[in-house]
């Protein structure tokens, strides 16, 4: 099985997590330990997602699929957006921060998948490795590779992804375009578990 692409050093996680938490705390008027200084790699433009959970339940997830700003800017902006601007949830409040677990995913560049049918797509997907972008016309949605933990069957994974894009769960047309990417992901310990 192919390993995910490594775009940052393995020890980047603590820096990214601390920066994401500090950005959220600053936005909420709460306190958090100051993050360490940014290393040189922080100027690399990379797409990131910040996922927030409480007791194992999703509380916010916002990200960018394409690299357009340095990773330090992208991760802090996405942290604030996940906390305050995910349309699926009310804005986070300062009293929620202590029970919130932060996860940061850094994305490799997306690569188009050369598939012409759903059967081909299902045979090509790599569960547990691929983040997938499903596009059809003006509709688009993505699932990070971590979603495979909840949806391990490729057919179910793809069905839910189409639904997320606002399409029927079995839609497949000539306008379908799939792309995939891998992530490096780091997460804090779950504060709800001793």
Protein backbone atom coordinates (compact mmCIF):
# COMPACT_ATOMS: atom_id res chain seq x y z
CA UNK A 1 0.00 0.00 0.00
CA UNK A 2 1.33 3.43 -0.92
CA UNK A 3 2.28 5.69 1.97
CA UNK A 4 0.90 9.25 2.19
CA UNK A 5 3.15 11.99 0.86
CA UNK A 6 5.22 13.72 3.56
CA UNK A 7 5.22 17.45 2.92
CA UNK A 8 6.39 18.65 6.36
CA UNK A 9 8.74 17.20 8.98
CA UNK A 10 7.03 14.81 11.40
CA UNK A 11 7.70 17.20 14.30
CA UNK A 12 5.62 19.94 12.62
CA UNK A 13 2.50 18.72 14.40
CA UNK A 14 3.05 20.28 17.83
CA UNK A 15 3.81 23.66 16.24
CA UNK A 16 0.69 23.56 14.03
CA UNK A 17 -1.59 22.37 16.84
CA UNK A 18 -0.35 25.04 19.26
CA UNK A 19 -0.76 27.75 16.61
CA UNK A 20 -4.29 26.60 15.74
CA UNK A 21 -5.35 26.53 19.41
CA UNK A 22 -3.77 29.95 20.07
CA UNK A 23 -5.56 31.46 17.04
CA UNK A 24 -8.91 30.12 18.26
CA UNK A 25 -8.26 31.33 21.81
CA UNK A 26 -7.36 34.79 20.54
CA UNK A 27 -10.54 34.92 18.43
CA UNK A 28 -12.68 33.83 21.40
CA UNK A 29 -10.98 36.07 23.96
CA UNK A 30 -9.75 32.99 25.83
CA UNK A 31 -6.26 32.05 26.96
CA UNK A 32 -3.97 29.38 25.53
CA UNK A 33 -0.24 28.80 25.83
CA UNK A 34 1.67 30.83 23.25
CA UNK A 35 2.73 28.75 20.25
CA UNK A 36 6.43 28.15 19.59
CA UNK A 37 8.19 30.31 16.98
CA UNK A 38 7.46 29.39 13.37
CA UNK A 39 10.24 27.32 11.73
CA UNK A 40 11.35 27.92 8.12
CA UNK A 41 8.93 25.32 6.74
CA UNK A 42 6.01 27.48 7.90
CA UNK A 43 6.48 29.73 4.85
CA UNK A 44 5.71 26.82 2.48
CA UNK A 45 2.34 27.29 0.76
CA UNK A 46 0.19 24.24 1.61
CA UNK A 47 -3.51 23.50 1.87
CA UNK A 48 -4.72 22.66 5.37
CA UNK A 49 -7.85 21.59 7.22
CA UNK A 50 -8.57 22.18 10.89
CA UNK A 51 -11.05 19.79 12.51
CA UNK A 52 -12.54 20.44 15.93
CA UNK A 53 -14.25 17.75 17.99
CA UNK A 54 -15.88 17.59 21.41
CA UNK A 55 -16.27 14.18 23.04
CA UNK A 56 -15.59 12.55 19.68
CA UNK A 57 -18.33 14.54 17.90
CA UNK A 58 -17.55 16.99 15.11
CA UNK A 59 -17.71 20.64 16.22
CA UNK A 60 -16.24 22.30 13.13
CA UNK A 61 -14.09 21.54 10.10
CA UNK A 62 -12.88 24.09 7.58
CA UNK A 63 -9.99 23.97 5.16
CA UNK A 64 -8.45 24.84 1.85
CA UNK A 65 -7.75 22.28 -0.85
CA UNK A 66 -5.16 24.28 -2.74
CA UNK A 67 -2.04 25.98 -1.50
CA UNK A 68 -2.30 29.74 -1.87
CA UNK A 69 -0.69 31.15 1.31
CA UNK A 70 2.05 29.97 3.69
CA UNK A 71 0.98 27.06 5.89
CA UNK A 72 1.28 29.24 9.02
CA UNK A 73 -1.36 31.63 7.64
CA UNK A 74 -3.59 28.90 6.27
CA UNK A 75 -3.75 26.84 9.46
CA UNK A 76 -4.45 29.80 11.76
CA UNK A 77 -7.16 31.19 9.43
CA UNK A 78 -8.79 27.77 9.08
CA UNK A 79 -8.69 27.25 12.85
CA UNK A 80 -10.65 30.46 13.40
CA UNK A 81 -13.08 29.61 10.58
CA UNK A 82 -13.66 26.09 11.97
CA UNK A 83 -14.44 27.54 15.40
CA UNK A 84 -16.59 30.47 14.33
CA UNK A 85 -17.78 30.08 10.74
CA UNK A 86 -18.60 26.43 9.97
CA UNK A 87 -22.22 26.84 8.76
CA UNK A 88 -23.21 23.48 10.27
CA UNK A 89 -22.64 24.74 13.83
CA UNK A 90 -23.22 27.84 15.94
CA UNK A 91 -20.07 29.90 16.56
CA UNK A 92 -17.90 28.40 19.29
CA UNK A 93 -17.77 30.19 22.63
CA UNK A 94 -14.79 30.65 24.93
CA UNK A 95 -16.13 28.19 27.50
CA UNK A 96 -16.07 25.39 24.90
CA UNK A 97 -12.36 25.66 24.15
CA UNK A 98 -11.11 23.56 27.07
CA UNK A 99 -13.20 20.56 25.97
CA UNK A 100 -12.34 20.91 22.28
CA UNK A 101 -9.80 18.69 20.54
CA UNK A 102 -7.89 20.27 17.64
CA UNK A 103 -6.69 18.29 14.62
CA UNK A 104 -4.61 19.75 11.79
CA UNK A 105 -4.29 18.08 8.40
CA UNK A 106 -1.75 19.24 5.82
CA UNK A 107 -2.67 18.24 2.29
CA UNK A 108 -0.51 17.07 -0.57
CA UNK A 109 -1.40 18.61 -3.95
CA UNK A 110 -4.53 16.99 -5.38
CA UNK A 111 -4.05 14.70 -8.38
CA UNK A 112 -6.84 14.01 -10.90
CA UNK A 113 -8.02 10.40 -10.99
CA UNK A 114 -8.36 9.08 -14.55
CA UNK A 115 -11.59 7.18 -14.11
CA UNK A 116 -14.56 7.04 -16.47
CA UNK A 117 -17.02 5.02 -14.41
CA UNK A 118 -18.05 4.51 -10.82
CA UNK A 119 -16.78 0.92 -10.95
CA UNK A 120 -13.36 2.20 -12.02
CA UNK A 121 -13.40 4.79 -9.23
CA UNK A 122 -14.31 2.19 -6.61
CA UNK A 123 -11.48 -0.08 -7.79
CA UNK A 124 -8.97 2.80 -7.73
CA UNK A 125 -9.74 4.37 -4.35
CA UNK A 126 -7.31 3.63 -1.52
CA UNK A 127 -9.29 3.41 1.74
CA UNK A 128 -7.51 5.02 4.66
CA UNK A 129 -5.06 6.85 2.37
CA UNK A 130 -6.98 8.95 -0.14
CA UNK A 131 -8.70 12.20 0.56
CA UNK A 132 -11.17 12.56 -2.30
CA UNK A 133 -12.60 15.57 -4.12
CA UNK A 134 -15.83 14.85 -6.00
CA UNK A 135 -16.82 17.47 -8.57
CA UNK A 136 -19.76 17.49 -10.97
CA UNK A 137 -20.73 20.68 -12.73
CA UNK A 138 -20.64 23.49 -10.15
CA UNK A 139 -20.96 21.10 -7.20
CA UNK A 140 -17.92 19.97 -5.25
CA UNK A 141 -17.20 18.24 -1.96
CA UNK A 142 -14.29 16.55 -0.26
CA UNK A 143 -13.67 14.02 2.47
CA UNK A 144 -10.34 13.89 4.27
CA UNK A 145 -8.72 10.43 4.51
CA UNK A 146 -9.78 10.31 8.18
CA UNK A 147 -13.41 9.88 7.03
CA UNK A 148 -12.54 6.32 5.97
CA UNK A 149 -12.60 5.46 9.69
CA UNK A 150 -16.38 6.07 9.72
CA UNK A 151 -17.04 4.98 6.12
CA UNK A 152 -14.58 2.15 5.32
CA UNK A 153 -16.48 0.78 2.31
CA UNK A 154 -15.55 2.64 -0.93
CA UNK A 155 -19.12 2.50 -2.26
CA UNK A 156 -20.53 4.00 0.96
CA UNK A 157 -17.71 6.56 1.13
CA UNK A 158 -18.44 7.75 -2.43
CA UNK A 159 -22.20 7.75 -1.82
CA UNK A 160 -21.84 10.02 1.23
CA UNK A 161 -19.42 12.27 -0.64
CA UNK A 162 -21.92 12.78 -3.48
CA UNK A 163 -24.61 13.58 -0.92
CA UNK A 164 -22.28 16.13 0.70
CA UNK A 165 -21.88 17.74 -2.76
CA UNK A 166 -25.67 18.14 -2.94
CA UNK A 167 -26.18 15.33 -5.45
CA UNK A 168 -28.12 12.10 -5.26
CA UNK A 169 -26.11 9.42 -3.48
CA UNK A 170 -25.84 7.35 -6.68
CA UNK A 171 -25.14 10.18 -9.16
CA UNK A 172 -22.60 9.47 -11.89
CA UNK A 173 -22.51 11.52 -15.09
CA UNK A 174 -20.07 12.57 -17.78
CA UNK A 175 -19.31 15.73 -15.76
CA UNK A 176 -17.91 13.81 -12.78
CA UNK A 177 -14.28 14.55 -11.94
CA UNK A 178 -12.47 12.89 -9.06
CA UNK A 179 -9.18 13.98 -7.55
CA UNK A 180 -7.26 12.57 -4.62
CA UNK A 181 -4.71 13.77 -2.11
CA UNK A 182 -3.04 12.50 1.03
CA UNK A 183 -2.59 14.23 4.36
CA UNK A 184 -0.23 14.47 7.25
CA UNK A 185 -2.46 14.78 10.29
CA UNK A 186 -1.77 15.58 13.92
CA UNK A 187 -4.26 15.84 16.75
CA UNK A 188 -4.32 16.76 20.39
CA UNK A 189 -5.28 14.20 23.01
CA UNK A 190 -9.04 14.03 23.60
CA UNK A 191 -9.69 16.29 26.65
CA UNK A 192 -12.83 14.28 27.49
CA UNK A 193 -10.79 11.12 28.13
CA UNK A 194 -8.51 10.82 31.18
